[in-house]
Every structure is written in structure tokens, then in C-alpha cells.
Amino acid sequence: MDKQELKQRAHDLDVTVWVGKSGVDSVVDELDDQLANRDLVKVKFLRAARAGSSTDEKAADLADRVNAELIDTRGHTAVLHR
């Protein structure tokens, strides 16, 4: 599947992982588990998690940690695929 198809599939997905003040470290295991069960996961970066850096930077870091591909970021939400 190409990125455009994945973006279309992700459109109707609900956010299932929220990154808060504890940061990216606290959600790595949960996100890894979710990606094992389904191929697309939406992640929301709350204000406290973004402190000083962009959503794109945080999402790229998170994707690297779980060996996933960053499909899209919109506002403060990212879509990851494995």
C-alpha cells in the first residue's frame, strides 16, 4: 500500500495512543503492542509532550523507537504504520 492509501485508511481511525507530560518514553511499549495487532495507529501529542519541539520531530522519534513508518502528521496527531 502506498502512503496515500494509508492516509485515506487512517482518516476514520480514532486516536488510541496519547503522549503526555511523561513524554515519548512512556508510550513506546504500548505503541509497539498496538502496531503488532494492527498496521495503523494514530498518536496524539498533548501540549505538555511537545514542550519546545514540533509534533513532526516527536513523531519521527517515536516512529524510530518502534521501528515504524511515519505516514502523516496533522496538527498534533501522527499516523504510524508497520
C-alpha atoms as a PDB file:
ATOM      1  CA  MET A   1       0.000   0.000   0.000  1.00  0.00           C
ATOM      2  CA  ASP A   2       1.282   3.475  -0.784  1.00  0.00           C
ATOM      3  CA  LYS A   3       1.209   6.440   1.598  1.00  0.00           C
ATOM      4  CA  GLN A   4      -1.879   7.970   0.001  1.00  0.00           C
ATOM      5  CA  GLU A   5      -3.920   4.811   0.564  1.00  0.00           C
ATOM      6  CA  LEU A   6      -2.675   4.587   4.159  1.00  0.00           C
ATOM      7  CA  LYS A   7      -3.633   8.232   4.779  1.00  0.00           C
ATOM      8  CA  GLN A   8      -7.130   7.526   3.472  1.00  0.00           C
ATOM      9  CA  ARG A   9      -7.470   4.476   5.738  1.00  0.00           C
ATOM     10  CA  ALA A  10      -6.192   6.475   8.715  1.00  0.00           C
ATOM     11  CA  HIS A  11      -8.753   9.235   8.227  1.00  0.00           C
ATOM     12  CA  ASP A  12     -11.515   7.373  10.097  1.00  0.00           C
ATOM     13  CA  LEU A  13      -9.273   5.876  12.787  1.00  0.00           C
ATOM     14  CA  ASP A  14      -9.604   7.013  16.387  1.00  0.00           C
ATOM     15  CA  VAL A  15      -6.577   8.109  18.378  1.00  0.00           C
ATOM     16  CA  THR A  16      -5.503   5.196  20.579  1.00  0.00           C
ATOM     17  CA  VAL A  17      -2.192   6.494  21.990  1.00  0.00           C
ATOM     18  CA  TRP A  18      -1.782   9.816  23.787  1.00  0.00           C
ATOM     19  CA  VAL A  19       1.657  11.234  24.570  1.00  0.00           C
ATOM     20  CA  GLY A  20       1.531  13.495  27.627  1.00  0.00           C
ATOM     21  CA  LYS A  21       3.935  15.106  30.055  1.00  0.00           C
ATOM     22  CA  SER A  22       5.731  11.788  30.659  1.00  0.00           C
ATOM     23  CA  GLY A  23       6.931  12.007  27.070  1.00  0.00           C
ATOM     24  CA  VAL A  24       7.586   9.523  24.315  1.00  0.00           C
ATOM     25  CA  ASP A  25       9.373   7.024  26.589  1.00  0.00           C
ATOM     26  CA  SER A  26       6.175   6.226  28.448  1.00  0.00           C
ATOM     27  CA  VAL A  27       4.227   5.095  25.353  1.00  0.00           C
ATOM     28  CA  VAL A  28       6.826   3.109  23.390  1.00  0.00           C
ATOM     29  CA  ASP A  29       5.750  -0.297  24.726  1.00  0.00           C
ATOM     30  CA  GLU A  30       2.034   0.418  24.306  1.00  0.00           C
ATOM     31  CA  LEU A  31       2.505   1.664  20.757  1.00  0.00           C
ATOM     32  CA  ASP A  32       4.674  -1.337  19.907  1.00  0.00           C
ATOM     33  CA  ASP A  33       1.906  -3.657  21.153  1.00  0.00           C
ATOM     34  CA  GLN A  34      -0.758  -1.827  19.172  1.00  0.00           C
ATOM     35  CA  LEU A  35       1.303  -1.904  15.979  1.00  0.00           C
ATOM     36  CA  ALA A  36       1.713  -5.657  16.440  1.00  0.00           C
ATOM     37  CA  ASN A  37      -2.079  -6.048  16.441  1.00  0.00           C
ATOM     38  CA  ARG A  38      -2.961  -3.578  13.705  1.00  0.00           C
ATOM     39  CA  ASP A  39      -0.945  -1.915  10.992  1.00  0.00           C
ATOM     40  CA  LEU A  40      -2.063   1.720  11.505  1.00  0.00           C
ATOM     41  CA  VAL A  41      -2.131   3.649  14.784  1.00  0.00           C
ATOM     42  CA  LYS A  42      -2.981   7.292  15.457  1.00  0.00           C
ATOM     43  CA  VAL A  43      -0.975   9.077  18.144  1.00  0.00           C
ATOM     44  CA  LYS A  44      -1.938  12.409  19.721  1.00  0.00           C
ATOM     45  CA  PHE A  45       0.762  14.645  21.203  1.00  0.00           C
ATOM     46  CA  LEU A  46      -0.657  16.715  24.042  1.00  0.00           C
ATOM     47  CA  ARG A  47       0.696  20.192  24.774  1.00  0.00           C
ATOM     48  CA  ALA A  48       2.862  19.021  27.685  1.00  0.00           C
ATOM     49  CA  ALA A  49       4.586  16.453  25.455  1.00  0.00           C
ATOM     50  CA  ARG A  50       5.504  18.950  22.749  1.00  0.00           C
ATOM     51  CA  ALA A  51       7.400  21.327  25.072  1.00  0.00           C
ATOM     52  CA  GLY A  52       9.923  23.010  22.833  1.00  0.00           C
ATOM     53  CA  SER A  53       9.784  20.748  19.786  1.00  0.00           C
ATOM     54  CA  SER A  54       7.422  20.142  16.916  1.00  0.00           C
ATOM     55  CA  THR A  55       4.960  17.304  16.508  1.00  0.00           C
ATOM     56  CA  ASP A  56       6.922  16.184  13.441  1.00  0.00           C
ATOM     57  CA  GLU A  57      10.117  15.797  15.478  1.00  0.00           C
ATOM     58  CA  LYS A  58       8.388  13.918  18.299  1.00  0.00           C
ATOM     59  CA  ALA A  59       6.517  11.661  15.859  1.00  0.00           C
ATOM     60  CA  ALA A  60       9.687  10.837  13.907  1.00  0.00           C
ATOM     61  CA  ASP A  61      11.475   9.971  17.168  1.00  0.00           C
ATOM     62  CA  LEU A  62       8.602   7.745  18.260  1.00  0.00           C
ATOM     63  CA  ALA A  63       8.471   6.002  14.861  1.00  0.00           C
ATOM     64  CA  ASP A  64      12.207   5.254  15.074  1.00  0.00           C
ATOM     65  CA  ARG A  65      11.827   3.771  18.555  1.00  0.00           C
ATOM     66  CA  VAL A  66       9.115   1.306  17.498  1.00  0.00           C
ATOM     67  CA  ASN A  67      10.547   0.563  14.052  1.00  0.00           C
ATOM     68  CA  ALA A  68       7.523   2.032  12.259  1.00  0.00           C
ATOM     69  CA  GLU A  69       6.994   4.383   9.342  1.00  0.00           C
ATOM     70  CA  LEU A  70       5.615   7.864   9.946  1.00  0.00           C
ATOM     71  CA  ILE A  71       2.797   8.187   7.410  1.00  0.00           C
ATOM     72  CA  ASP A  72       1.416  11.632   8.215  1.00  0.00           C
ATOM     73  CA  THR A  73       1.197  14.371  10.817  1.00  0.00           C
ATOM     74  CA  ARG A  74      -1.713  16.770  11.017  1.00  0.00           C
ATOM     75  CA  GLY A  75      -1.794  19.334  13.760  1.00  0.00           C
ATOM     76  CA  HIS A  76      -0.739  17.441  16.854  1.00  0.00           C
ATOM     77  CA  THR A  77      -1.677  13.976  15.598  1.00  0.00           C
ATOM     78  CA  ALA A  78       0.547  11.457  13.804  1.00  0.00           C
ATOM     79  CA  VAL A  79      -0.194   8.237  11.959  1.00  0.00           C
ATOM     80  CA  LEU A  80       2.306   5.381  12.200  1.00  0.00           C
ATOM     81  CA  HIS A  81       2.409   2.195  10.127  1.00  0.00           C
ATOM     82  CA  ARG A  82       4.229  -1.093  10.432  1.00  0.00           C
END
